[in-house]
C-alpha atoms as a PDB file:
ATOM      1  CA  MET A   1       7.324  31.559   2.165  1.00  0.00           C
ATOM      2  CA  ASN A   2       8.676  28.549   1.218  1.00  0.00           C
ATOM      3  CA  GLN A   3       6.132  25.758  -0.387  1.00  0.00           C
ATOM      4  CA  ARG A   4       6.028  23.115   1.936  1.00  0.00           C
ATOM      5  CA  ARG A   5       7.584  19.653   0.739  1.00  0.00           C
ATOM      6  CA  LYS A   6       4.604  17.188  -0.132  1.00  0.00           C
ATOM      7  CA  ALA A   7       4.559  13.784   1.960  1.00  0.00           C
ATOM      8  CA  ALA A   8       3.687  10.493   1.497  1.00  0.00           C
ATOM      9  CA  LEU A   9       2.666   8.064   4.092  1.00  0.00           C
ATOM     10  CA  VAL A  10       3.483   4.143   2.919  1.00  0.00           C
ATOM     11  CA  THR A  11       2.474   1.231   5.370  1.00  0.00           C
ATOM     12  CA  GLY A  12       4.394  -1.747   5.144  1.00  0.00           C
ATOM     13  CA  ALA A  13       7.242   0.095   3.762  1.00  0.00           C
ATOM     14  CA  GLY A  14      10.465  -1.848   5.216  1.00  0.00           C
ATOM     15  CA  ARG A  15      11.024  -4.339   2.572  1.00  0.00           C
ATOM     16  CA  ASN A  16       9.589  -5.401  -0.970  1.00  0.00           C
ATOM     17  CA  ILE A  17       6.908  -3.411  -2.455  1.00  0.00           C
ATOM     18  CA  GLY A  18       6.915  -1.115   0.424  1.00  0.00           C
ATOM     19  CA  ARG A  19      10.263  -0.380   0.401  1.00  0.00           C
ATOM     20  CA  ALA A  20      10.437   0.275  -3.404  1.00  0.00           C
ATOM     21  CA  VAL A  21       7.388   2.573  -3.319  1.00  0.00           C
ATOM     22  CA  ALA A  22       8.805   4.564  -0.645  1.00  0.00           C
ATOM     23  CA  LEU A  23      12.258   4.822  -2.286  1.00  0.00           C
ATOM     24  CA  GLY A  24      10.523   5.831  -5.940  1.00  0.00           C
ATOM     25  CA  LEU A  25       8.348   8.726  -4.112  1.00  0.00           C
ATOM     26  CA  ALA A  26      11.353   9.871  -2.366  1.00  0.00           C
ATOM     27  CA  ARG A  27      13.136  10.176  -5.955  1.00  0.00           C
ATOM     28  CA  ASP A  28       9.772  12.112  -6.926  1.00  0.00           C
ATOM     29  CA  GLY A  29      10.824  14.767  -4.297  1.00  0.00           C
ATOM     30  CA  PHE A  30       8.136  13.651  -1.566  1.00  0.00           C
ATOM     31  CA  GLY A  31       8.968  13.389   2.107  1.00  0.00           C
ATOM     32  CA  VAL A  32       8.303   9.889   3.058  1.00  0.00           C
ATOM     33  CA  VAL A  33       6.995   8.375   6.151  1.00  0.00           C
ATOM     34  CA  ILE A  34       8.215   5.066   6.498  1.00  0.00           C
ATOM     35  CA  ASN A  35       5.674   2.578   8.567  1.00  0.00           C
ATOM     36  CA  GLY A  36       6.366  -1.102   9.487  1.00  0.00           C
ATOM     37  CA  SER A  37       5.277  -3.218  12.593  1.00  0.00           C
ATOM     38  CA  SER A  38       8.226  -5.601  13.111  1.00  0.00           C
ATOM     39  CA  SER A  39      11.450  -4.745  11.955  1.00  0.00           C
ATOM     40  CA  ARG A  40      12.483  -0.915  13.058  1.00  0.00           C
ATOM     41  CA  ASP A  41      16.102  -1.857  11.762  1.00  0.00           C
ATOM     42  CA  ALA A  42      14.399  -2.693   8.129  1.00  0.00           C
ATOM     43  CA  CYS A  43      12.492   0.611   7.920  1.00  0.00           C
ATOM     44  CA  GLU A  44      15.493   2.626   9.204  1.00  0.00           C
ATOM     45  CA  ALA A  45      17.402   1.402   6.421  1.00  0.00           C
ATOM     46  CA  VAL A  46      15.038   2.710   4.193  1.00  0.00           C
ATOM     47  CA  ALA A  47      14.836   6.014   5.445  1.00  0.00           C
ATOM     48  CA  GLN A  48      18.798   6.092   5.708  1.00  0.00           C
ATOM     49  CA  GLU A  49      18.807   5.175   1.722  1.00  0.00           C
ATOM     50  CA  ILE A  50      16.560   8.178   1.386  1.00  0.00           C
ATOM     51  CA  ARG A  51      18.358  10.989   3.013  1.00  0.00           C
ATOM     52  CA  GLN A  52      21.755   9.765   1.807  1.00  0.00           C
ATOM     53  CA  ALA A  53      20.313  10.352  -1.753  1.00  0.00           C
ATOM     54  CA  GLY A  54      19.427  13.754  -0.407  1.00  0.00           C
ATOM     55  CA  GLY A  55      15.729  13.026   0.495  1.00  0.00           C
ATOM     56  CA  GLU A  56      13.773  13.363   3.518  1.00  0.00           C
ATOM     57  CA  ALA A  57      12.350  10.531   5.535  1.00  0.00           C
ATOM     58  CA  ILE A  58      11.206   9.518   8.789  1.00  0.00           C
ATOM     59  CA  VAL A  59      10.197   6.022  10.670  1.00  0.00           C
ATOM     60  CA  ALA A  60       6.815   5.653  12.410  1.00  0.00           C
ATOM     61  CA  MET A  61       6.575   2.103  13.408  1.00  0.00           C
ATOM     62  CA  GLY A  62       3.109   0.913  14.424  1.00  0.00           C
ATOM     63  CA  ASP A  63       0.450  -1.870  14.084  1.00  0.00           C
ATOM     64  CA  VAL A  64      -2.081  -0.683  11.183  1.00  0.00           C
ATOM     65  CA  GLY A  65      -4.308  -3.378  12.536  1.00  0.00           C
ATOM     66  CA  ARG A  66      -5.213  -1.336  15.393  1.00  0.00           C
ATOM     67  CA  GLN A  67      -6.975   1.749  15.176  1.00  0.00           C
ATOM     68  CA  GLU A  68      -5.046   4.013  17.788  1.00  0.00           C
ATOM     69  CA  GLU A  69      -1.991   2.960  16.109  1.00  0.00           C
ATOM     70  CA  CYS A  70      -3.207   4.135  12.770  1.00  0.00           C
ATOM     71  CA  ALA A  71      -4.152   7.786  14.416  1.00  0.00           C
ATOM     72  CA  ARG A  72      -1.065   7.703  15.946  1.00  0.00           C
ATOM     73  CA  ILE A  73       1.148   7.047  12.676  1.00  0.00           C
ATOM     74  CA  ALA A  74      -0.883   9.708  10.875  1.00  0.00           C
ATOM     75  CA  ALA A  75      -0.324  12.139  13.880  1.00  0.00           C
ATOM     76  CA  GLU A  76       3.286  11.464  13.285  1.00  0.00           C
ATOM     77  CA  ALA A  77       3.460  12.343   9.716  1.00  0.00           C
ATOM     78  CA  ILE A  78       1.124  15.348   9.869  1.00  0.00           C
ATOM     79  CA  ASP A  79       3.442  16.641  12.720  1.00  0.00           C
ATOM     80  CA  ARG A  80       6.529  16.445  10.787  1.00  0.00           C
ATOM     81  CA  PHE A  81       5.523  17.185   7.229  1.00  0.00           C
ATOM     82  CA  GLY A  82       2.465  19.304   7.987  1.00  0.00           C
ATOM     83  CA  GLY A  83       0.054  16.717   6.286  1.00  0.00           C
ATOM     84  CA  VAL A  84      -0.044  13.580   4.313  1.00  0.00           C
ATOM     85  CA  ASP A  85      -0.486  14.364   0.709  1.00  0.00           C
ATOM     86  CA  VAL A  86      -0.028  10.602  -0.601  1.00  0.00           C
ATOM     87  CA  LEU A  87      -1.429   7.979   1.319  1.00  0.00           C
ATOM     88  CA  VAL A  88      -0.287   4.124   0.024  1.00  0.00           C
ATOM     89  CA  ASN A  89      -2.026   1.302   1.856  1.00  0.00           C
ATOM     90  CA  ASN A  90       0.495  -1.444   1.256  1.00  0.00           C
ATOM     91  CA  ALA A  91       0.452  -3.483   4.307  1.00  0.00           C
ATOM     92  CA  ALA A  92      -0.965  -6.671   4.733  1.00  0.00           C
ATOM     93  CA  TRP A  93      -1.617 -10.150   6.244  1.00  0.00           C
ATOM     94  CA  ARG A  94      -2.192 -13.174   3.974  1.00  0.00           C
ATOM     95  CA  PRO A  95      -2.352 -16.327   6.115  1.00  0.00           C
ATOM     96  CA  SER A  96      -3.565 -19.597   4.474  1.00  0.00           C
ATOM     97  CA  LYS A  97      -5.908 -21.755   6.735  1.00  0.00           C
ATOM     98  CA  PRO A  98      -9.048 -23.627   6.082  1.00  0.00           C
ATOM     99  CA  PHE A  99     -12.162 -21.375   6.360  1.00  0.00           C
ATOM    100  CA  LEU A 100     -13.726 -23.819   9.240  1.00  0.00           C
ATOM    101  CA  ASP A 101     -10.467 -23.951  11.277  1.00  0.00           C
ATOM    102  CA  MET A 102      -9.987 -20.054  11.384  1.00  0.00           C
ATOM    103  CA  SER A 103     -11.046 -18.396  14.921  1.00  0.00           C
ATOM    104  CA  ASP A 104     -12.918 -15.405  15.130  1.00  0.00           C
ATOM    105  CA  GLU A 105      -9.841 -13.688  16.687  1.00  0.00           C
ATOM    106  CA  GLU A 106      -7.681 -14.635  13.447  1.00  0.00           C
ATOM    107  CA  TRP A 107     -10.430 -13.771  10.818  1.00  0.00           C
ATOM    108  CA  ARG A 108     -10.839 -10.113  12.857  1.00  0.00           C
ATOM    109  CA  ARG A 109      -7.134  -9.716  12.666  1.00  0.00           C
ATOM    110  CA  VAL A 110      -6.937 -10.025   8.878  1.00  0.00           C
ATOM    111  CA  ILE A 111      -9.907  -7.976   8.172  1.00  0.00           C
ATOM    112  CA  SER A 112      -8.282  -5.372  10.641  1.00  0.00           C
ATOM    113  CA  ILE A 113      -4.641  -5.436   8.923  1.00  0.00           C
ATOM    114  CA  ASP A 114      -6.028  -6.084   5.184  1.00  0.00           C
ATOM    115  CA  LEU A 115      -9.274  -3.623   5.352  1.00  0.00           C
ATOM    116  CA  ASP A 116      -9.865  -1.583   8.417  1.00  0.00           C
ATOM    117  CA  ALA A 117      -6.408  -0.040   8.515  1.00  0.00           C
ATOM    118  CA  ALA A 118      -6.977   1.504   4.955  1.00  0.00           C
ATOM    119  CA  VAL A 119     -10.418   2.946   6.316  1.00  0.00           C
ATOM    120  CA  TRP A 120      -8.980   4.191   9.624  1.00  0.00           C
ATOM    121  CA  LEU A 121      -5.642   5.797   7.666  1.00  0.00           C
ATOM    122  CA  ALA A 122      -7.713   7.566   5.190  1.00  0.00           C
ATOM    123  CA  ARG A 123     -10.041   9.152   7.886  1.00  0.00           C
ATOM    124  CA  ALA A 124      -6.900  10.454   9.574  1.00  0.00           C
ATOM    125  CA  CYS A 125      -5.197  11.820   6.180  1.00  0.00           C
ATOM    126  CA  LEU A 126      -8.191  12.728   4.309  1.00  0.00           C
ATOM    127  CA  PRO A 127      -9.315  16.345   6.371  1.00  0.00           C
ATOM    128  CA  GLY A 128      -5.958  17.718   5.432  1.00  0.00           C
ATOM    129  CA  MET A 129      -6.088  16.607   1.587  1.00  0.00           C
ATOM    130  CA  VAL A 130      -9.503  18.165   1.519  1.00  0.00           C
ATOM    131  CA  GLU A 131      -8.367  21.246   2.864  1.00  0.00           C
ATOM    132  CA  ARG A 132      -5.313  21.452   0.637  1.00  0.00           C
ATOM    133  CA  GLY A 133      -7.753  20.471  -2.343  1.00  0.00           C
ATOM    134  CA  TRP A 134      -5.179  17.803  -3.245  1.00  0.00           C
ATOM    135  CA  GLY A 135      -4.727  14.400  -2.575  1.00  0.00           C
ATOM    136  CA  ARG A 136      -4.079  10.887  -3.589  1.00  0.00           C
ATOM    137  CA  ILE A 137      -4.391   7.346  -2.316  1.00  0.00           C
ATOM    138  CA  VAL A 138      -3.536   3.863  -3.615  1.00  0.00           C
ATOM    139  CA  ASN A 139      -4.808   1.027  -2.034  1.00  0.00           C
ATOM    140  CA  PHE A 140      -3.448  -2.624  -2.638  1.00  0.00           C
ATOM    141  CA  THR A 141      -5.659  -5.195  -3.559  1.00  0.00           C
ATOM    142  CA  GLY A 142      -4.616  -8.215  -5.035  1.00  0.00           C
ATOM    143  CA  MET A 143      -6.267 -11.237  -7.261  1.00  0.00           C
ATOM    144  CA  ASN A 144      -8.145 -11.941  -4.352  1.00  0.00           C
ATOM    145  CA  ALA A 145     -10.082  -8.759  -4.787  1.00  0.00           C
ATOM    146  CA  ILE A 146     -10.829 -10.555  -8.285  1.00  0.00           C
ATOM    147  CA  HIS A 147     -10.684 -14.233  -7.783  1.00  0.00           C
ATOM    148  CA  GLY A 148     -11.677 -16.322  -4.563  1.00  0.00           C
ATOM    149  CA  TYR A 149      -8.967 -18.489  -3.221  1.00  0.00           C
ATOM    150  CA  ASP A 150      -9.418 -21.760  -0.844  1.00  0.00           C
ATOM    151  CA  GLY A 151      -7.554 -21.244   2.343  1.00  0.00           C
ATOM    152  CA  HIS A 152      -7.474 -17.352   2.159  1.00  0.00           C
ATOM    153  CA  ALA A 153     -11.395 -16.565   2.719  1.00  0.00           C
ATOM    154  CA  PRO A 154     -10.677 -13.496   5.089  1.00  0.00           C
ATOM    155  CA  VAL A 155      -8.025 -12.000   2.719  1.00  0.00           C
ATOM    156  CA  SER A 156     -10.673 -12.468  -0.070  1.00  0.00           C
ATOM    157  CA  VAL A 157     -13.278 -10.716   1.831  1.00  0.00           C
ATOM    158  CA  ALA A 158     -10.772  -7.837   3.166  1.00  0.00           C
ATOM    159  CA  LYS A 159      -9.182  -7.208  -0.468  1.00  0.00           C
ATOM    160  CA  HIS A 160     -12.690  -6.896  -1.880  1.00  0.00           C
ATOM    161  CA  GLY A 161     -13.688  -4.543   0.578  1.00  0.00           C
ATOM    162  CA  VAL A 162     -10.705  -2.395  -0.119  1.00  0.00           C
ATOM    163  CA  TRP A 163     -11.720  -2.408  -4.022  1.00  0.00           C
ATOM    164  CA  GLY A 164     -15.233  -1.247  -2.827  1.00  0.00           C
ATOM    165  CA  LEU A 165     -13.895   1.558  -0.656  1.00  0.00           C
ATOM    166  CA  THR A 166     -11.739   2.675  -3.286  1.00  0.00           C
ATOM    167  CA  LYS A 167     -14.624   3.100  -5.442  1.00  0.00           C
ATOM    168  CA  ALA A 168     -16.652   4.826  -3.044  1.00  0.00           C
ATOM    169  CA  LEU A 169     -13.945   7.529  -2.012  1.00  0.00           C
ATOM    170  CA  ALA A 170     -12.888   8.118  -5.606  1.00  0.00           C
ATOM    171  CA  LYS A 171     -16.780   9.380  -6.131  1.00  0.00           C
ATOM    172  CA  GLU A 172     -16.824  11.165  -2.945  1.00  0.00           C
ATOM    173  CA  PHE A 173     -13.697  12.896  -3.122  1.00  0.00           C
ATOM    174  CA  GLY A 174     -12.768  13.207  -6.342  1.00  0.00           C
ATOM    175  CA  PRO A 175     -14.822  16.744  -6.881  1.00  0.00           C
ATOM    176  CA  LYS A 176     -12.332  17.776  -3.848  1.00  0.00           C
ATOM    177  CA  GLY A 177      -9.016  17.474  -5.797  1.00  0.00           C
ATOM    178  CA  ILE A 178      -8.126  13.814  -4.493  1.00  0.00           C
ATOM    179  CA  THR A 179      -7.859  10.446  -6.336  1.00  0.00           C
ATOM    180  CA  VAL A 180      -8.191   7.250  -5.142  1.00  0.00           C
ATOM    181  CA  ASN A 181      -7.168   4.179  -6.737  1.00  0.00           C
ATOM    182  CA  ALA A 182      -6.053   0.713  -6.469  1.00  0.00           C
ATOM    183  CA  ILE A 183      -3.379  -1.745  -7.221  1.00  0.00           C
ATOM    184  CA  SER A 184      -3.723  -5.524  -7.956  1.00  0.00           C
ATOM    185  CA  PRO A 185      -0.298  -7.032  -8.147  1.00  0.00           C
ATOM    186  CA  GLY A 186       0.184 -10.278  -9.729  1.00  0.00           C
ATOM    187  CA  THR A 187       3.033 -12.719  -8.786  1.00  0.00           C
ATOM    188  CA  ILE A 188       5.809 -10.451  -7.519  1.00  0.00           C
ATOM    189  CA  ALA A 189       9.373 -11.533  -6.611  1.00  0.00           C
ATOM    190  CA  SER A 190      10.047 -11.001  -2.715  1.00  0.00           C
ATOM    191  CA  ASP A 191      13.102 -11.161  -0.297  1.00  0.00           C
ATOM    192  CA  GLY A 192      13.314 -13.612   2.639  1.00  0.00           C
ATOM    193  CA  GLU A 193      11.459 -16.416   0.935  1.00  0.00           C
ATOM    194  CA  ASP A 194      11.684 -20.020   1.651  1.00  0.00           C
ATOM    195  CA  GLU A 195      13.051 -22.393  -1.171  1.00  0.00           C
ATOM    196  CA  GLU A 196       9.631 -23.640  -1.753  1.00  0.00           C
ATOM    197  CA  SER A 197       7.565 -20.583  -1.668  1.00  0.00           C
ATOM    198  CA  MET A 198       9.895 -19.060  -4.263  1.00  0.00           C
ATOM    199  CA  ARG A 199       9.399 -22.784  -6.486  1.00  0.00           C
ATOM    200  CA  ARG A 200       5.720 -22.000  -6.225  1.00  0.00           C
ATOM    201  CA  ARG A 201       6.617 -18.649  -7.470  1.00  0.00           C
ATOM    202  CA  LEU A 202       8.698 -19.667 -10.161  1.00  0.00           C
ATOM    203  CA  ALA A 203       6.300 -22.159 -11.488  1.00  0.00           C
ATOM    204  CA  SER A 204       3.670 -19.799 -11.923  1.00  0.00           C
ATOM    205  CA  VAL A 205       5.911 -17.894 -14.609  1.00  0.00           C
ATOM    206  CA  GLN A 206       4.565 -20.348 -17.386  1.00  0.00           C
ATOM    207  CA  ARG A 207       0.995 -18.732 -16.437  1.00  0.00           C
ATOM    208  CA  ILE A 208       2.320 -14.903 -17.058  1.00  0.00           C
ATOM    209  CA  PRO A 209       2.517 -13.801 -20.571  1.00  0.00           C
ATOM    210  CA  VAL A 210       5.441 -11.537 -20.200  1.00  0.00           C
ATOM    211  CA  GLY A 211       7.396 -14.642 -19.159  1.00  0.00           C
ATOM    212  CA  ARG A 212       8.785 -13.422 -15.695  1.00  0.00           C
ATOM    213  CA  LEU A 213       7.838 -12.371 -12.021  1.00  0.00           C
ATOM    214  CA  GLY A 214       7.011  -8.874 -11.289  1.00  0.00           C
ATOM    215  CA  MET A 215       9.463  -6.706  -9.517  1.00  0.00           C
ATOM    216  CA  PRO A 216       8.728  -4.477  -6.469  1.00  0.00           C
ATOM    217  CA  SER A 217       9.729  -1.764  -8.739  1.00  0.00           C
ATOM    218  CA  ASP A 218       7.187  -2.706 -11.193  1.00  0.00           C
ATOM    219  CA  LEU A 219       4.396  -1.816  -8.691  1.00  0.00           C
ATOM    220  CA  ALA A 220       6.127   1.577  -7.363  1.00  0.00           C
ATOM    221  CA  THR A 221       6.573   2.675 -10.912  1.00  0.00           C
ATOM    222  CA  VAL A 222       2.621   2.326 -11.359  1.00  0.00           C
ATOM    223  CA  VAL A 223       2.449   4.016  -7.811  1.00  0.00           C
ATOM    224  CA  GLN A 224       4.491   7.140  -8.944  1.00  0.00           C
ATOM    225  CA  MET A 225       2.110   7.425 -12.046  1.00  0.00           C
ATOM    226  CA  LEU A 226      -0.902   7.690 -10.186  1.00  0.00           C
ATOM    227  CA  VAL A 227      -0.052  10.225  -7.610  1.00  0.00           C
ATOM    228  CA  SER A 228       1.913  12.348 -10.119  1.00  0.00           C
ATOM    229  CA  GLU A 229      -0.102  15.670 -11.472  1.00  0.00           C
ATOM    230  CA  GLY A 230      -0.286  13.546 -14.850  1.00  0.00           C
ATOM    231  CA  GLY A 231      -2.145  10.814 -12.990  1.00  0.00           C
ATOM    232  CA  GLY A 232      -4.667  12.846 -11.930  1.00  0.00           C
ATOM    233  CA  PHE A 233      -7.581  11.759 -14.392  1.00  0.00           C
ATOM    234  CA  VAL A 234      -7.140   8.229 -13.055  1.00  0.00           C
ATOM    235  CA  ASN A 235      -9.753   7.952 -10.269  1.00  0.00           C
ATOM    236  CA  GLY A 236     -11.479   4.703  -8.882  1.00  0.00           C
ATOM    237  CA  GLN A 237      -9.858   2.271 -11.128  1.00  0.00           C
ATOM    238  CA  MET A 238      -7.947  -0.916 -10.178  1.00  0.00           C
ATOM    239  CA  LEU A 239      -4.830  -1.599 -12.071  1.00  0.00           C
ATOM    240  CA  GLN A 240      -3.700  -5.105 -12.569  1.00  0.00           C
ATOM    241  CA  VAL A 241      -0.186  -5.119 -12.490  1.00  0.00           C
ATOM    242  CA  ASN A 242       0.560  -8.755 -13.323  1.00  0.00           C
ATOM    243  CA  GLY A 243       2.135  -9.167 -16.703  1.00  0.00           C
ATOM    244  CA  GLY A 244      -1.087 -10.287 -18.156  1.00  0.00           C
ATOM    245  CA  ALA A 245      -1.930 -13.022 -16.052  1.00  0.00           C
ATOM    246  CA  GLN A 246      -5.527 -14.034 -15.892  1.00  0.00           C
ATOM    247  CA  THR A 247      -6.075 -16.426 -13.005  1.00  0.00           C
END
């Protein structure tokens, strides 16, 4: 009987960090479930790139800020690959708005995408991981999980929550062969930025000791290490991938 291919579910995988993570995991032999909520074309392009390189990938579009969508996305992944062995919670929404101007609806939307989705998807994927005695969850936090930023109150709250979730699940499921870790990215170059946003990012280089912006591939490499067999003794940690920046 042939051994089933291990599978990874990556949210927000149509571009930037999520895309790099999906491609990296595919190179390591994982079947990849590519999730996105806005551009199916972008997600299909990533899937096609994986297939052309000899890998296996499917697209599972859906809004991870909705519990029923998380359940459906996970179900599609499990149906195709027989289970989800690696869950990468990368999708996020980071609006900038003064605290007193933010509506309850906007607050809840940020929390649902940036925190609740990690809970809902973990609930959907963990039973299979426990049954197989092996699994990896990688949550993306960010500097908001370490420093509070004005104009980003719900993001800071959500990312602190993700960090707490990471530590709690690491302790509960570590004995079952499952590791749970978080990655806190620094300033990362991204596609499709406007000129002003890029200017701010480039200005931040002077605060980064290695003297450059991070690249999506820098984050993908760390994810690949964490989900590998060799990364199995790293559990309940937040890895800061920021070139040495302190603020």
